[in-house]
Amino acid sequence: MVSYREGDYNVICELSGFKAKRSQCRKTWDGYLVRRDFWEPRHPQDRVTAIPERQGVKDARPEAADRFLTAGEVTPDDL
């Protein structure tokens, strides 16, 4: 029940829409003013940063030029 308290004022919870006293509310990490039973701490995974991966190849070599066989270069005996 919301009643008069000296120095305390009424606010509307931004998540539930219920009226509450300011002393019964908290601010969330993203700036919303909510009742204490709707307040949640910021999730630890929100602050995780990615670790950059090494994308390079250690022993990189250029690709060899294409070599096309001519007719008669390979015989059935070669296979």
PDB file of N, CA and C in Angstrom:
ATOM      1  N   MET A   1       0.839  -1.175   0.000  1.00  0.00           N
ATOM      2  CA  MET A   1       0.000   0.000   0.000  1.00  0.00           C
ATOM      3  C   MET A   1       0.886   1.240   0.000  1.00  0.00           C
ATOM      4  N   VAL A   2       0.556   2.175  -0.845  1.00  0.00           N
ATOM      5  CA  VAL A   2       1.321   3.403  -0.957  1.00  0.00           C
ATOM      6  C   VAL A   2       0.642   4.463  -0.095  1.00  0.00           C
ATOM      7  N   SER A   3       1.343   4.964   0.881  1.00  0.00           N
ATOM      8  CA  SER A   3       0.803   6.008   1.754  1.00  0.00           C
ATOM      9  C   SER A   3       1.830   7.116   1.881  1.00  0.00           C
ATOM     10  N   TYR A   4       1.480   8.155   2.618  1.00  0.00           N
ATOM     11  CA  TYR A   4       2.356   9.319   2.746  1.00  0.00           C
ATOM     12  C   TYR A   4       3.555   9.008   3.638  1.00  0.00           C
ATOM     13  N   ARG A   5       4.728   9.367   3.132  1.00  0.00           N
ATOM     14  CA  ARG A   5       5.963   9.330   3.925  1.00  0.00           C
ATOM     15  C   ARG A   5       6.683  10.637   3.660  1.00  0.00           C
ATOM     16  N   GLU A   6       7.072  11.295   4.689  1.00  0.00           N
ATOM     17  CA  GLU A   6       7.731  12.590   4.540  1.00  0.00           C
ATOM     18  C   GLU A   6       9.080  12.417   3.844  1.00  0.00           C
ATOM     19  N   GLY A   7       9.323  13.200   2.787  1.00  0.00           N
ATOM     20  CA  GLY A   7      10.575  13.150   2.053  1.00  0.00           C
ATOM     21  C   GLY A   7      10.648  12.036   1.018  1.00  0.00           C
ATOM     22  N   ASP A   8       9.640  11.182   0.964  1.00  0.00           N
ATOM     23  CA  ASP A   8       9.613  10.084  -0.008  1.00  0.00           C
ATOM     24  C   ASP A   8       8.509  10.384  -1.026  1.00  0.00           C
ATOM     25  N   TYR A   9       8.712  10.074  -2.253  1.00  0.00           N
ATOM     26  CA  TYR A   9       7.727  10.408  -3.281  1.00  0.00           C
ATOM     27  C   TYR A   9       7.335   9.159  -4.061  1.00  0.00           C
ATOM     28  N   ASN A  10       6.203   9.268  -4.747  1.00  0.00           N
ATOM     29  CA  ASN A  10       5.682   8.155  -5.533  1.00  0.00           C
ATOM     30  C   ASN A  10       6.364   8.115  -6.895  1.00  0.00           C
ATOM     31  N   VAL A  11       6.625   6.901  -7.372  1.00  0.00           N
ATOM     32  CA  VAL A  11       7.172   6.687  -8.713  1.00  0.00           C
ATOM     33  C   VAL A  11       6.407   5.530  -9.337  1.00  0.00           C
ATOM     34  N   ILE A  12       6.533   5.396 -10.646  1.00  0.00           N
ATOM     35  CA  ILE A  12       5.942   4.273 -11.358  1.00  0.00           C
ATOM     36  C   ILE A  12       7.073   3.339 -11.780  1.00  0.00           C
ATOM     37  N   CYS A  13       6.951   2.068 -11.415  1.00  0.00           N
ATOM     38  CA  CYS A  13       7.945   1.060 -11.813  1.00  0.00           C
ATOM     39  C   CYS A  13       7.911   0.932 -13.333  1.00  0.00           C
ATOM     40  N   GLU A  14       9.077   1.023 -13.974  1.00  0.00           N
ATOM     41  CA  GLU A  14       9.138   1.004 -15.431  1.00  0.00           C
ATOM     42  C   GLU A  14       8.955  -0.390 -16.030  1.00  0.00           C
ATOM     43  N   LEU A  15       9.022  -1.432 -15.223  1.00  0.00           N
ATOM     44  CA  LEU A  15       8.787  -2.777 -15.731  1.00  0.00           C
ATOM     45  C   LEU A  15       7.365  -3.253 -15.466  1.00  0.00           C
ATOM     46  N   SER A  16       6.858  -3.002 -14.265  1.00  0.00           N
ATOM     47  CA  SER A  16       5.529  -3.513 -13.928  1.00  0.00           C
ATOM     48  C   SER A  16       4.430  -2.482 -14.111  1.00  0.00           C
ATOM     49  N   GLY A  17       4.754  -1.197 -14.025  1.00  0.00           N
ATOM     50  CA  GLY A  17       3.741  -0.159 -14.112  1.00  0.00           C
ATOM     51  C   GLY A  17       3.054   0.120 -12.793  1.00  0.00           C
ATOM     52  N   PHE A  18       3.484  -0.529 -11.704  1.00  0.00           N
ATOM     53  CA  PHE A  18       2.884  -0.307 -10.389  1.00  0.00           C
ATOM     54  C   PHE A  18       3.451   0.946  -9.747  1.00  0.00           C
ATOM     55  N   LYS A  19       2.622   1.582  -8.922  1.00  0.00           N
ATOM     56  CA  LYS A  19       3.070   2.745  -8.158  1.00  0.00           C
ATOM     57  C   LYS A  19       3.813   2.248  -6.928  1.00  0.00           C
ATOM     58  N   ALA A  20       4.905   2.912  -6.583  1.00  0.00           N
ATOM     59  CA  ALA A  20       5.695   2.540  -5.410  1.00  0.00           C
ATOM     60  C   ALA A  20       6.378   3.785  -4.878  1.00  0.00           C
ATOM     61  N   LYS A  21       6.853   3.715  -3.660  1.00  0.00           N
ATOM     62  CA  LYS A  21       7.659   4.794  -3.103  1.00  0.00           C
ATOM     63  C   LYS A  21       9.078   4.690  -3.652  1.00  0.00           C
ATOM     64  N   ARG A  22       9.740   5.814  -3.787  1.00  0.00           N
ATOM     65  CA  ARG A  22      11.108   5.830  -4.331  1.00  0.00           C
ATOM     66  C   ARG A  22      12.050   5.018  -3.458  1.00  0.00           C
ATOM     67  N   SER A  23      11.827   5.014  -2.163  1.00  0.00           N
ATOM     68  CA  SER A  23      12.697   4.250  -1.257  1.00  0.00           C
ATOM     69  C   SER A  23      12.540   2.743  -1.453  1.00  0.00           C
ATOM     70  N   GLN A  24      11.473   2.301  -2.114  1.00  0.00           N
ATOM     71  CA  GLN A  24      11.251   0.877  -2.369  1.00  0.00           C
ATOM     72  C   GLN A  24      11.730   0.473  -3.756  1.00  0.00           C
ATOM     73  N   CYS A  25      12.401   1.375  -4.465  1.00  0.00           N
ATOM     74  CA  CYS A  25      12.832   1.111  -5.840  1.00  0.00           C
ATOM     75  C   CYS A  25      14.347   1.158  -5.960  1.00  0.00           C
ATOM     76  N   ARG A  26      14.830   0.583  -7.042  1.00  0.00           N
ATOM     77  CA  ARG A  26      16.262   0.610  -7.360  1.00  0.00           C
ATOM     78  C   ARG A  26      16.423   0.884  -8.837  1.00  0.00           C
ATOM     79  N   LYS A  27      17.594   1.402  -9.207  1.00  0.00           N
ATOM     80  CA  LYS A  27      17.906   1.599 -10.623  1.00  0.00           C
ATOM     81  C   LYS A  27      18.629   0.370 -11.140  1.00  0.00           C
ATOM     82  N   THR A  28      18.260  -0.059 -12.332  1.00  0.00           N
ATOM     83  CA  THR A  28      18.943  -1.185 -12.957  1.00  0.00           C
ATOM     84  C   THR A  28      20.198  -0.671 -13.653  1.00  0.00           C
ATOM     85  N   TRP A  29      21.027  -1.581 -14.136  1.00  0.00           N
ATOM     86  CA  TRP A  29      22.288  -1.201 -14.777  1.00  0.00           C
ATOM     87  C   TRP A  29      22.050  -0.425 -16.063  1.00  0.00           C
ATOM     88  N   ASP A  30      20.875  -0.591 -16.694  1.00  0.00           N
ATOM     89  CA  ASP A  30      20.595   0.139 -17.931  1.00  0.00           C
ATOM     90  C   ASP A  30      19.714   1.362 -17.703  1.00  0.00           C
ATOM     91  N   GLY A  31      19.541   1.780 -16.427  1.00  0.00           N
ATOM     92  CA  GLY A  31      18.910   3.057 -16.122  1.00  0.00           C
ATOM     93  C   GLY A  31      17.434   3.028 -15.790  1.00  0.00           C
ATOM     94  N   TYR A  32      16.787   1.869 -15.749  1.00  0.00           N
ATOM     95  CA  TYR A  32      15.369   1.802 -15.414  1.00  0.00           C
ATOM     96  C   TYR A  32      15.185   1.916 -13.909  1.00  0.00           C
ATOM     97  N   LEU A  33      14.109   2.572 -13.492  1.00  0.00           N
ATOM     98  CA  LEU A  33      13.747   2.662 -12.090  1.00  0.00           C
ATOM     99  C   LEU A  33      12.665   1.621 -11.841  1.00  0.00           C
ATOM    100  N   VAL A  34      12.979   0.582 -11.068  1.00  0.00           N
ATOM    101  CA  VAL A  34      12.064  -0.544 -10.872  1.00  0.00           C
ATOM    102  C   VAL A  34      11.915  -0.839  -9.386  1.00  0.00           C
ATOM    103  N   ARG A  35      10.809  -1.531  -9.053  1.00  0.00           N
ATOM    104  CA  ARG A  35      10.637  -1.967  -7.669  1.00  0.00           C
ATOM    105  C   ARG A  35      11.707  -2.997  -7.338  1.00  0.00           C
ATOM    106  N   ARG A  36      11.998  -3.126  -6.045  1.00  0.00           N
ATOM    107  CA  ARG A  36      13.077  -4.032  -5.624  1.00  0.00           C
ATOM    108  C   ARG A  36      12.837  -5.478  -6.049  1.00  0.00           C
ATOM    109  N   ASP A  37      11.579  -5.926  -6.104  1.00  0.00           N
ATOM    110  CA  ASP A  37      11.324  -7.317  -6.482  1.00  0.00           C
ATOM    111  C   ASP A  37      11.480  -7.545  -7.990  1.00  0.00           C
ATOM    112  N   PHE A  38      11.608  -6.488  -8.787  1.00  0.00           N
ATOM    113  CA  PHE A  38      11.856  -6.625 -10.226  1.00  0.00           C
ATOM    114  C   PHE A  38      13.320  -6.367 -10.580  1.00  0.00           C
ATOM    115  N   TRP A  39      14.131  -5.940  -9.617  1.00  0.00           N
ATOM    116  CA  TRP A  39      15.530  -5.588  -9.881  1.00  0.00           C
ATOM    117  C   TRP A  39      16.361  -6.851 -10.078  1.00  0.00           C
ATOM    118  N   GLU A  40      17.244  -6.827 -11.083  1.00  0.00           N
ATOM    119  CA  GLU A  40      18.184  -7.919 -11.324  1.00  0.00           C
ATOM    120  C   GLU A  40      19.555  -7.322 -11.568  1.00  0.00           C
ATOM    121  N   PRO A  41      20.614  -7.959 -11.060  1.00  0.00           N
ATOM    122  CA  PRO A  41      21.957  -7.443 -11.343  1.00  0.00           C
ATOM    123  C   PRO A  41      22.329  -7.685 -12.798  1.00  0.00           C
ATOM    124  N   ARG A  42      23.312  -6.965 -13.257  1.00  0.00           N
ATOM    125  CA  ARG A  42      23.778  -7.156 -14.631  1.00  0.00           C
ATOM    126  C   ARG A  42      24.450  -8.519 -14.755  1.00  0.00           C
ATOM    127  N   HIS A  43      24.176  -9.196 -15.849  1.00  0.00           N
ATOM    128  CA  HIS A  43      24.730 -10.536 -16.060  1.00  0.00           C
ATOM    129  C   HIS A  43      26.225 -10.434 -16.351  1.00  0.00           C
ATOM    130  N   PRO A  44      27.055 -11.294 -15.737  1.00  0.00           N
ATOM    131  CA  PRO A  44      28.502 -11.228 -15.950  1.00  0.00           C
ATOM    132  C   PRO A  44      28.919 -11.428 -17.410  1.00  0.00           C
ATOM    133  N   GLN A  45      28.121 -12.151 -18.202  1.00  0.00           N
ATOM    134  CA  GLN A  45      28.474 -12.389 -19.597  1.00  0.00           C
ATOM    135  C   GLN A  45      28.353 -11.132 -20.455  1.00  0.00           C
ATOM    136  N   ASP A  46      27.721 -10.074 -19.937  1.00  0.00           N
ATOM    137  CA  ASP A  46      27.614  -8.823 -20.686  1.00  0.00           C
ATOM    138  C   ASP A  46      28.967  -8.143 -20.847  1.00  0.00           C
ATOM    139  N   ARG A  47      29.910  -8.439 -19.977  1.00  0.00           N
ATOM    140  CA  ARG A  47      31.212  -7.769 -20.002  1.00  0.00           C
ATOM    141  C   ARG A  47      32.333  -8.623 -20.597  1.00  0.00           C
ATOM    142  N   VAL A  48      32.000  -9.779 -21.133  1.00  0.00           N
ATOM    143  CA  VAL A  48      33.013 -10.670 -21.692  1.00  0.00           C
ATOM    144  C   VAL A  48      33.473 -10.117 -23.040  1.00  0.00           C
ATOM    145  N   THR A  49      34.775 -10.072 -23.227  1.00  0.00           N
ATOM    146  CA  THR A  49      35.318  -9.643 -24.512  1.00  0.00           C
ATOM    147  C   THR A  49      35.956 -10.856 -25.200  1.00  0.00           C
ATOM    148  N   ALA A  50      35.877 -10.870 -26.485  1.00  0.00           N
ATOM    149  CA  ALA A  50      36.410 -11.990 -27.257  1.00  0.00           C
ATOM    150  C   ALA A  50      37.930 -11.943 -27.290  1.00  0.00           C
ATOM    151  N   ILE A  51      38.542 -13.097 -27.298  1.00  0.00           N
ATOM    152  CA  ILE A  51      39.989 -13.206 -27.430  1.00  0.00           C
ATOM    153  C   ILE A  51      40.302 -13.363 -28.911  1.00  0.00           C
ATOM    154  N   PRO A  52      41.099 -12.471 -29.483  1.00  0.00           N
ATOM    155  CA  PRO A  52      41.379 -12.583 -30.917  1.00  0.00           C
ATOM    156  C   PRO A  52      42.166 -13.861 -31.230  1.00  0.00           C
ATOM    157  N   GLU A  53      41.794 -14.485 -32.321  1.00  0.00           N
ATOM    158  CA  GLU A  53      42.459 -15.707 -32.750  1.00  0.00           C
ATOM    159  C   GLU A  53      43.555 -15.382 -33.756  1.00  0.00           C
ATOM    160  N   ARG A  54      44.586 -16.234 -33.772  1.00  0.00           N
ATOM    161  CA  ARG A  54      45.627 -16.103 -34.793  1.00  0.00           C
ATOM    162  C   ARG A  54      45.114 -16.775 -36.051  1.00  0.00           C
ATOM    163  N   GLN A  55      44.894 -16.004 -37.091  1.00  0.00           N
ATOM    164  CA  GLN A  55      44.307 -16.525 -38.311  1.00  0.00           C
ATOM    165  C   GLN A  55      45.345 -16.971 -39.334  1.00  0.00           C
ATOM    166  N   GLY A  56      46.594 -16.591 -39.125  1.00  0.00           N
ATOM    167  CA  GLY A  56      47.617 -16.899 -40.114  1.00  0.00           C
ATOM    168  C   GLY A  56      48.058 -18.351 -40.097  1.00  0.00           C
ATOM    169  N   VAL A  57      48.618 -18.801 -41.206  1.00  0.00           N
ATOM    170  CA  VAL A  57      49.157 -20.149 -41.341  1.00  0.00           C
ATOM    171  C   VAL A  57      50.658 -20.072 -41.104  1.00  0.00           C
ATOM    172  N   LYS A  58      51.209 -20.990 -40.298  1.00  0.00           N
ATOM    173  CA  LYS A  58      52.626 -20.926 -39.951  1.00  0.00           C
ATOM    174  C   LYS A  58      53.541 -21.092 -41.158  1.00  0.00           C
ATOM    175  N   ASP A  59      53.333 -22.122 -41.955  1.00  0.00           N
ATOM    176  CA  ASP A  59      54.223 -22.407 -43.090  1.00  0.00           C
ATOM    177  C   ASP A  59      53.494 -22.168 -44.405  1.00  0.00           C
ATOM    178  N   ALA A  60      53.126 -20.968 -44.661  1.00  0.00           N
ATOM    179  CA  ALA A  60      52.393 -20.651 -45.889  1.00  0.00           C
ATOM    180  C   ALA A  60      53.339 -20.654 -47.083  1.00  0.00           C
ATOM    181  N   ARG A  61      52.883 -21.257 -48.149  1.00  0.00           N
ATOM    182  CA  ARG A  61      53.662 -21.292 -49.386  1.00  0.00           C
ATOM    183  C   ARG A  61      52.734 -20.945 -50.532  1.00  0.00           C
ATOM    184  N   PRO A  62      53.253 -20.300 -51.577  1.00  0.00           N
ATOM    185  CA  PRO A  62      52.379 -19.961 -52.703  1.00  0.00           C
ATOM    186  C   PRO A  62      51.934 -21.218 -53.444  1.00  0.00           C
ATOM    187  N   GLU A  63      50.758 -21.129 -54.027  1.00  0.00           N
ATOM    188  CA  GLU A  63      50.221 -22.259 -54.778  1.00  0.00           C
ATOM    189  C   GLU A  63      50.996 -22.400 -56.092  1.00  0.00           C
ATOM    190  N   ALA A  64      51.310 -23.626 -56.449  1.00  0.00           N
ATOM    191  CA  ALA A  64      52.060 -23.876 -57.682  1.00  0.00           C
ATOM    192  C   ALA A  64      51.187 -23.577 -58.898  1.00  0.00           C
ATOM    193  N   ALA A  65      51.849 -23.236 -59.978  1.00  0.00           N
ATOM    194  CA  ALA A  65      51.129 -22.954 -61.215  1.00  0.00           C
ATOM    195  C   ALA A  65      50.502 -24.241 -61.749  1.00  0.00           C
ATOM    196  N   ASP A  66      49.364 -24.113 -62.406  1.00  0.00           N
ATOM    197  CA  ASP A  66      48.687 -25.276 -62.969  1.00  0.00           C
ATOM    198  C   ASP A  66      49.509 -25.865 -64.120  1.00  0.00           C
ATOM    199  N   ARG A  67      49.550 -27.191 -64.142  1.00  0.00           N
ATOM    200  CA  ARG A  67      50.285 -27.890 -65.214  1.00  0.00           C
ATOM    201  C   ARG A  67      49.310 -28.831 -65.888  1.00  0.00           C
ATOM    202  N   PHE A  68      49.037 -28.602 -67.152  1.00  0.00           N
ATOM    203  CA  PHE A  68      48.086 -29.404 -67.896  1.00  0.00           C
ATOM    204  C   PHE A  68      48.836 -30.440 -68.731  1.00  0.00           C
ATOM    205  N   LEU A  69      48.311 -31.664 -68.741  1.00  0.00           N
ATOM    206  CA  LEU A  69      48.921 -32.739 -69.521  1.00  0.00           C
ATOM    207  C   LEU A  69      48.443 -32.674 -70.961  1.00  0.00           C
ATOM    208  N   THR A  70      49.334 -33.015 -71.838  1.00  0.00           N
ATOM    209  CA  THR A  70      48.976 -33.055 -73.258  1.00  0.00           C
ATOM    210  C   THR A  70      48.581 -34.475 -73.628  1.00  0.00           C
ATOM    211  N   ALA A  71      47.971 -34.619 -74.756  1.00  0.00           N
ATOM    212  CA  ALA A  71      47.519 -35.931 -75.206  1.00  0.00           C
ATOM    213  C   ALA A  71      48.725 -36.837 -75.403  1.00  0.00           C
ATOM    214  N   GLY A  72      48.639 -38.042 -74.888  1.00  0.00           N
ATOM    215  CA  GLY A  72      49.696 -39.008 -75.045  1.00  0.00           C
ATOM    216  C   GLY A  72      50.796 -38.907 -74.019  1.00  0.00           C
ATOM    217  N   GLU A  73      50.719 -37.952 -73.100  1.00  0.00           N
ATOM    218  CA  GLU A  73      51.754 -37.791 -72.081  1.00  0.00           C
ATOM    219  C   GLU A  73      51.659 -38.897 -71.015  1.00  0.00           C
ATOM    220  N   VAL A  74      50.461 -39.393 -70.736  1.00  0.00           N
ATOM    221  CA  VAL A  74      50.256 -40.475 -69.773  1.00  0.00           C
ATOM    222  C   VAL A  74      49.679 -41.652 -70.532  1.00  0.00           C
ATOM    223  N   THR A  75      50.296 -42.811 -70.333  1.00  0.00           N
ATOM    224  CA  THR A  75      49.832 -44.029 -70.996  1.00  0.00           C
ATOM    225  C   THR A  75      49.220 -44.955 -69.958  1.00  0.00           C
ATOM    226  N   PRO A  76      48.465 -45.967 -70.381  1.00  0.00           N
ATOM    227  CA  PRO A  76      47.904 -46.907 -69.411  1.00  0.00           C
ATOM    228  C   PRO A  76      48.983 -47.640 -68.609  1.00  0.00           C
ATOM    229  N   ASP A  77      50.157 -47.788 -69.126  1.00  0.00           N
ATOM    230  CA  ASP A  77      51.237 -48.461 -68.396  1.00  0.00           C
ATOM    231  C   ASP A  77      51.731 -47.595 -67.216  1.00  0.00           C
ATOM    232  N   ASP A  78      51.602 -46.261 -67.335  1.00  0.00           N
ATOM    233  CA  ASP A  78      52.032 -45.358 -66.265  1.00  0.00           C
ATOM    234  C   ASP A  78      51.108 -45.464 -65.033  1.00  0.00           C
ATOM    235  N   LEU A  79      49.888 -45.901 -65.250  1.00  0.00           N
ATOM    236  CA  LEU A  79      48.941 -45.981 -64.137  1.00  0.00           C
ATOM    237  C   LEU A  79      49.155 -47.288 -63.446  1.00  0.00           C
TER     238      LEU A  79
END
